[in-house]
Amino acid sequence: MRPSEITTIVLCHQAQRDVVGAVRSLLDQSTPTEILVVNSGGGSVRDRLQAEGIKVRCLDYRNRMFVGGARNRGIEHTTSRYVAFLASDCRALPGWVEHRLAVHEAGFRAVASAIVNRAPASRVASAAYLGRFMHRLPGLPADRALRFGASYDRSLFEEFGFFDERLRSGEDTEFLERLPPDLRPAWDGRIQTDHLNETKLLPLLRDQFRRGRRHGDEMRRIFGATKLRTAKNVWRERKLAPRLAALGLAGDDLAAAMRAMPIVKMMLVAKAAGVMLSDFLPSETGRKDAASLSGAVNDNH
């Protein structure tokens, strides 16, 4: 398999330090991938990486872009048949490229991936993992998994357009809604992404409140859902979390998830509150908006 058959676009904001680990995780793959880092909001990601002895293609943009814009710039500046995406605060685990390419070569034009828990010893990190990614656990059957973290055959963008650059989050949700059912991403739990979850409770709850505000807006714009409906759906996930954990996890990972359930419920309360209170608070601007380049991606990749 030629390296140019798949490109992974690494999404970065303000040349954050965690991009080094993301790129290294791709360089360490047994099956190579072309790498393009798209950095938005200022700073030089090229300098950041070169200081660590890493030389890959980089695009630096001074102005803030939402995730859809960063994805699209990467697509426009590459030519490989398949395009994958990795946020700077994520790591591609061994086999991430190999298994992804194998599923594509089996005939699937889009391929989804699972999320794993980096810090199962931390109850906060385990709660952050389960609360955000309960629908993308590696052991879930295909009919229970959400198909995010996808790579795509480039021809899909020619047929269905690019990502919506106006959305602060949910750009992949909106794109997938345009695809007919037979083109929705295939699920393969062997394609695993390691996400750097929060390990402190108060920052986690603040983050979930902010994500609730973005989530409510995303559901309204994409599906026309009311705030109340969205908040209720968020809260219902407290019952889904242990069921999905039992399906998608095993051994120590399952035990860690079960110990974290009380914090998962706190997360969902914070997220539902963010949905409901969004109209009564000033809009997120400046750094918080800009941070959506990495933060919003993480919900769905």
Protein backbone atom coordinates (compact mmCIF):
# COMPACT_ATOMS: atom_id res chain seq x y z
CA MET A 1 0.00 0.00 0.00
CA ARG A 2 1.52 3.31 -1.07
CA PRO A 3 1.81 5.97 1.67
CA SER A 4 -0.09 8.45 -0.51
CA GLU A 5 -3.29 6.35 -0.51
CA ILE A 6 -4.37 7.90 2.80
CA THR A 7 -3.70 11.30 4.35
CA THR A 8 -4.35 12.07 7.99
CA ILE A 9 -5.15 15.71 8.67
CA VAL A 10 -4.16 16.68 12.21
CA LEU A 11 -6.36 19.48 13.58
CA CYS A 12 -4.61 21.93 15.89
CA HIS A 13 -5.35 25.25 17.61
CA GLN A 14 -2.70 27.85 18.40
CA ALA A 15 0.11 25.31 17.88
CA GLN A 16 -0.73 23.59 21.16
CA ARG A 17 1.95 21.32 22.62
CA ASP A 18 -0.22 18.20 22.50
CA VAL A 19 0.06 18.16 18.69
CA VAL A 20 3.52 16.60 19.06
CA GLY A 21 2.08 13.41 20.53
CA ALA A 22 -0.68 13.26 17.92
CA VAL A 23 1.80 13.44 15.04
CA ARG A 24 4.18 10.95 16.65
CA SER A 25 1.33 8.46 17.04
CA LEU A 26 0.86 8.61 13.26
CA LEU A 27 4.57 8.37 12.50
CA ASP A 28 4.71 5.23 14.68
CA GLN A 29 2.04 3.39 12.66
CA SER A 30 3.18 0.19 10.96
CA THR A 31 1.32 1.27 7.82
CA PRO A 32 2.36 4.78 6.78
CA THR A 33 0.04 7.71 6.20
CA GLU A 34 0.76 11.08 4.68
CA ILE A 35 0.40 13.72 7.41
CA LEU A 36 -0.80 17.32 7.08
CA VAL A 37 -1.17 19.48 10.20
CA VAL A 38 -3.70 22.32 9.95
CA ASN A 39 -3.20 24.91 12.69
CA SER A 40 -5.62 27.78 13.28
CA GLY A 41 -5.60 30.76 15.62
CA GLY A 42 -1.95 31.74 15.42
CA GLY A 43 1.39 30.31 16.40
CA SER A 44 3.66 28.18 14.26
CA VAL A 45 2.90 24.49 14.43
CA ARG A 46 5.79 23.92 12.01
CA ASP A 47 8.23 25.45 14.50
CA ARG A 48 6.65 23.49 17.35
CA LEU A 49 7.15 20.19 15.54
CA GLN A 50 10.59 20.96 14.15
CA ALA A 51 11.78 21.76 17.67
CA GLU A 52 10.96 18.12 18.46
CA GLY A 53 12.74 16.84 15.36
CA ILE A 54 9.50 16.23 13.44
CA LYS A 55 9.20 17.37 9.84
CA VAL A 56 5.76 17.02 8.27
CA ARG A 57 3.65 19.28 6.07
CA CYS A 58 1.95 22.09 8.00
CA LEU A 59 -0.53 24.86 7.29
CA ASP A 60 -0.57 27.76 9.76
CA TYR A 61 -3.49 30.21 9.79
CA ARG A 62 -3.43 33.33 11.91
CA ASN A 63 -7.23 33.64 12.15
CA ARG A 64 -9.49 31.29 14.06
CA MET A 65 -11.32 28.62 12.08
CA PHE A 66 -14.04 26.28 13.23
CA VAL A 67 -13.39 22.60 12.71
CA GLY A 68 -15.16 22.39 9.39
CA GLY A 69 -12.89 25.04 7.93
CA ALA A 70 -9.76 23.30 9.19
CA ARG A 71 -10.94 19.99 7.75
CA ASN A 72 -11.70 21.60 4.40
CA ARG A 73 -8.32 23.32 4.14
CA GLY A 74 -6.70 19.96 4.70
CA ILE A 75 -8.82 18.28 2.05
CA GLU A 76 -8.03 21.05 -0.44
CA HIS A 77 -4.27 20.75 0.11
CA THR A 78 -4.04 16.97 -0.29
CA THR A 79 -4.70 14.51 -3.11
CA SER A 80 -4.73 11.01 -1.59
CA ARG A 81 -7.74 8.80 -2.21
CA TYR A 82 -8.66 8.50 1.48
CA VAL A 83 -8.73 11.30 4.08
CA ALA A 84 -8.69 10.75 7.85
CA PHE A 85 -8.69 13.28 10.71
CA LEU A 86 -7.05 13.36 14.14
CA ALA A 87 -7.40 16.11 16.75
CA SER A 88 -4.23 17.28 18.44
CA ASP A 89 -5.38 15.97 21.84
CA CYS A 90 -5.83 12.45 20.48
CA ARG A 91 -3.46 9.61 19.69
CA ALA A 92 -3.81 6.97 16.99
CA LEU A 93 -3.24 3.56 18.53
CA PRO A 94 -1.33 0.79 16.70
CA GLY A 95 -3.26 -0.48 13.71
CA TRP A 96 -5.22 2.78 13.31
CA VAL A 97 -4.08 3.24 9.71
CA GLU A 98 -3.75 -0.44 8.78
CA HIS A 99 -7.28 -1.45 9.84
CA ARG A 100 -8.79 1.73 8.42
CA LEU A 101 -7.26 1.10 5.01
CA ALA A 102 -8.31 -2.55 5.09
CA VAL A 103 -11.96 -1.60 5.59
CA HIS A 104 -11.76 1.00 2.84
CA GLU A 105 -10.19 -1.53 0.50
CA ALA A 106 -13.03 -3.93 1.33
CA GLY A 107 -15.33 -1.49 -0.42
CA PHE A 108 -16.46 1.00 2.24
CA ARG A 109 -16.13 4.67 1.30
CA ALA A 110 -16.32 5.89 4.90
CA VAL A 111 -14.90 4.16 7.99
CA ALA A 112 -15.61 5.06 11.63
CA SER A 113 -13.44 4.42 14.69
CA ALA A 114 -13.63 3.74 18.43
CA ILE A 115 -12.32 5.68 21.43
CA VAL A 116 -10.35 4.11 24.30
CA ASN A 117 -9.67 5.31 27.84
CA ARG A 118 -6.12 6.51 28.44
CA ALA A 119 -6.38 6.76 32.25
CA PRO A 120 -8.70 4.06 33.68
CA ALA A 121 -7.13 4.50 37.12
CA SER A 122 -8.66 8.00 37.34
CA ARG A 123 -12.38 8.04 38.13
CA VAL A 124 -12.69 11.54 36.65
CA ALA A 125 -10.92 10.55 33.43
CA SER A 126 -13.03 7.37 33.23
CA ALA A 127 -16.19 9.43 33.68
CA ALA A 128 -15.05 11.90 31.03
CA TYR A 129 -14.40 8.98 28.70
CA LEU A 130 -17.72 7.25 29.24
CA GLY A 131 -19.79 10.44 29.44
CA ARG A 132 -18.50 11.72 26.11
CA PHE A 133 -17.81 8.54 24.18
CA MET A 134 -20.24 5.91 25.49
CA HIS A 135 -21.50 5.38 21.93
CA ARG A 136 -18.00 4.70 20.58
CA LEU A 137 -16.66 2.05 22.93
CA PRO A 138 -14.43 -0.46 21.10
CA GLY A 139 -16.48 -3.56 21.92
CA LEU A 140 -19.86 -2.20 20.86
CA PRO A 141 -21.74 -4.10 18.16
CA ALA A 142 -22.14 -2.16 14.94
CA ASP A 143 -25.85 -1.54 15.51
CA ARG A 144 -25.16 0.31 18.79
CA ALA A 145 -22.16 2.40 17.75
CA LEU A 146 -22.19 5.99 16.52
CA ARG A 147 -20.15 6.29 13.35
CA PHE A 148 -17.81 9.18 14.12
CA GLY A 149 -14.04 9.52 13.89
CA ALA A 150 -14.49 8.72 10.23
CA SER A 151 -12.16 8.65 7.27
CA TYR A 152 -13.58 9.21 3.81
CA ASP A 153 -13.03 8.39 0.19
CA ARG A 154 -12.28 11.79 -1.36
CA SER A 155 -15.00 11.26 -3.97
CA LEU A 156 -17.63 11.70 -1.24
CA PHE A 157 -16.71 15.37 -0.94
CA GLU A 158 -17.06 15.77 -4.69
CA GLU A 159 -20.55 14.25 -4.54
CA PHE A 160 -21.92 15.70 -1.31
CA GLY A 161 -19.90 18.86 -0.68
CA PHE A 162 -17.46 19.78 2.07
CA PHE A 163 -17.88 20.32 5.81
CA ASP A 164 -19.99 23.27 6.96
CA GLU A 165 -17.48 25.93 8.03
CA ARG A 166 -20.11 27.98 9.90
CA LEU A 167 -20.76 25.39 12.61
CA ARG A 168 -18.77 25.77 15.80
CA SER A 169 -19.29 22.04 16.42
CA GLY A 170 -21.13 19.15 14.83
CA GLU A 171 -19.70 19.64 11.36
CA ASP A 172 -19.21 15.89 10.98
CA THR A 173 -22.75 15.21 12.21
CA GLU A 174 -24.10 17.59 9.59
CA PHE A 175 -21.98 16.04 6.84
CA LEU A 176 -23.00 12.49 7.71
CA GLU A 177 -26.66 13.51 7.58
CA ARG A 178 -26.17 14.30 3.90
CA LEU A 179 -25.01 10.79 3.10
CA PRO A 180 -27.55 8.12 2.11
CA PRO A 181 -27.79 5.17 4.53
CA ASP A 182 -25.70 2.87 2.33
CA LEU A 183 -22.79 5.32 2.46
CA ARG A 184 -22.73 5.86 6.23
CA PRO A 185 -19.36 4.92 7.77
CA ALA A 186 -18.55 1.28 8.46
CA TRP A 187 -17.81 0.42 12.11
CA ASP A 188 -14.60 -1.32 13.13
CA GLY A 189 -13.75 -1.32 16.84
CA ARG A 190 -10.13 -2.25 16.07
CA ILE A 191 -9.55 1.29 14.79
CA GLN A 192 -8.92 2.98 18.11
CA THR A 193 -8.19 6.56 19.11
CA ASP A 194 -6.81 7.44 22.53
CA HIS A 195 -8.28 10.70 23.82
CA LEU A 196 -6.58 12.82 26.49
CA ASN A 197 -9.48 13.11 28.94
CA GLU A 198 -9.75 15.63 31.79
CA THR A 199 -8.56 14.30 35.16
CA LYS A 200 -9.93 17.04 37.46
CA LEU A 201 -13.59 17.27 38.41
CA LEU A 202 -14.35 21.01 38.31
CA PRO A 203 -12.67 21.61 34.93
CA LEU A 204 -14.56 18.59 33.60
CA LEU A 205 -17.93 19.96 34.75
CA ARG A 206 -17.18 23.43 33.38
CA ASP A 207 -16.20 21.85 30.07
CA GLN A 208 -19.42 19.85 29.97
CA PHE A 209 -21.50 22.96 30.64
CA ARG A 210 -19.82 24.70 27.69
CA ARG A 211 -20.28 21.64 25.54
CA GLY A 212 -23.96 21.60 26.48
CA ARG A 213 -24.32 25.11 25.12
CA ARG A 214 -22.68 24.10 21.85
CA HIS A 215 -24.61 20.84 21.69
CA GLY A 216 -27.95 22.60 22.05
CA ASP A 217 -27.08 24.95 19.23
CA GLU A 218 -25.85 22.07 17.07
CA MET A 219 -29.07 20.05 17.55
CA ARG A 220 -31.21 23.09 16.76
CA ARG A 221 -29.34 23.99 13.59
CA ILE A 222 -28.98 20.47 12.21
CA PHE A 223 -32.15 18.73 13.41
CA GLY A 224 -34.44 21.58 14.51
CA ALA A 225 -34.57 20.18 18.07
CA THR A 226 -35.78 22.38 20.93
CA LYS A 227 -33.60 23.03 23.96
CA LEU A 228 -35.94 21.02 26.19
CA ARG A 229 -35.88 18.01 23.90
CA THR A 230 -32.09 18.14 23.64
CA ALA A 231 -31.64 18.49 27.41
CA LYS A 232 -33.96 15.54 28.04
CA ASN A 233 -32.00 13.42 25.58
CA VAL A 234 -28.76 14.33 27.36
CA TRP A 235 -30.19 13.35 30.75
CA ARG A 236 -31.55 10.03 29.43
CA GLU A 237 -27.98 8.96 28.74
CA ARG A 238 -27.50 8.30 32.47
CA LYS A 239 -29.47 5.07 31.90
CA LEU A 240 -27.66 4.23 28.67
CA ALA A 241 -24.16 4.64 30.12
CA PRO A 242 -24.03 1.43 32.22
CA ARG A 243 -25.73 -0.60 29.48
CA LEU A 244 -23.32 0.54 26.79
CA ALA A 245 -20.36 0.09 29.12
CA ALA A 246 -21.39 -3.54 29.69
CA LEU A 247 -21.62 -4.07 25.93
CA GLY A 248 -18.51 -2.19 24.85
CA LEU A 249 -16.00 -2.72 27.65
CA ALA A 250 -14.58 -5.66 29.58
CA GLY A 251 -12.30 -6.47 32.49
CA ASP A 252 -10.55 -3.56 34.20
CA ASP A 253 -11.93 -1.04 31.71
CA LEU A 254 -15.50 -2.02 32.56
CA ALA A 255 -14.78 -1.96 36.30
CA ALA A 256 -13.27 1.54 35.98
CA ALA A 257 -16.31 2.75 34.04
CA MET A 258 -18.73 1.42 36.65
CA ARG A 259 -16.82 3.13 39.47
CA ALA A 260 -17.13 6.40 37.57
CA MET A 261 -20.92 6.31 37.11
CA PRO A 262 -21.73 8.90 39.81
CA ILE A 263 -19.42 11.40 38.08
CA VAL A 264 -20.96 10.53 34.71
CA LYS A 265 -24.34 11.61 36.08
CA MET A 266 -22.82 14.88 37.30
CA MET A 267 -21.40 15.45 33.83
CA LEU A 268 -24.78 14.93 32.22
CA VAL A 269 -26.43 17.35 34.65
CA ALA A 270 -23.82 19.98 33.74
CA LYS A 271 -24.27 19.36 30.02
CA ALA A 272 -28.08 19.49 30.21
CA ALA A 273 -27.84 22.72 32.22
CA GLY A 274 -25.65 24.19 29.50
CA VAL A 275 -28.28 23.33 26.91
CA MET A 276 -31.10 24.93 28.89
CA LEU A 277 -29.28 28.08 30.04
CA SER A 278 -27.62 29.02 26.77
CA ASP A 279 -30.13 31.77 25.96
CA PHE A 280 -29.57 33.47 29.33
CA LEU A 281 -25.79 33.74 29.10
CA PRO A 282 -23.51 35.85 26.90
CA SER A 283 -22.28 34.04 23.81
CA GLU A 284 -18.91 32.34 23.98
CA THR A 285 -16.33 34.45 22.19
CA GLY A 286 -12.59 34.86 21.85
CA ARG A 287 -10.54 32.03 23.18
CA LYS A 288 -13.49 29.83 24.09
CA ASP A 289 -14.83 29.98 20.55
CA ALA A 290 -11.38 29.43 19.10
CA ALA A 291 -10.83 26.46 21.34
CA SER A 292 -13.65 24.72 19.55
CA LEU A 293 -11.15 23.80 16.83
CA SER A 294 -9.89 21.04 19.06
CA GLY A 295 -12.65 20.75 21.65
CA ALA A 296 -15.57 20.32 19.32
CA VAL A 297 -13.79 17.76 17.20
CA ASN A 298 -13.16 15.58 20.20
CA ASP A 299 -16.85 14.92 20.77
CA ASN A 300 -17.16 13.17 17.47
CA HIS A 301 -13.90 12.01 16.21
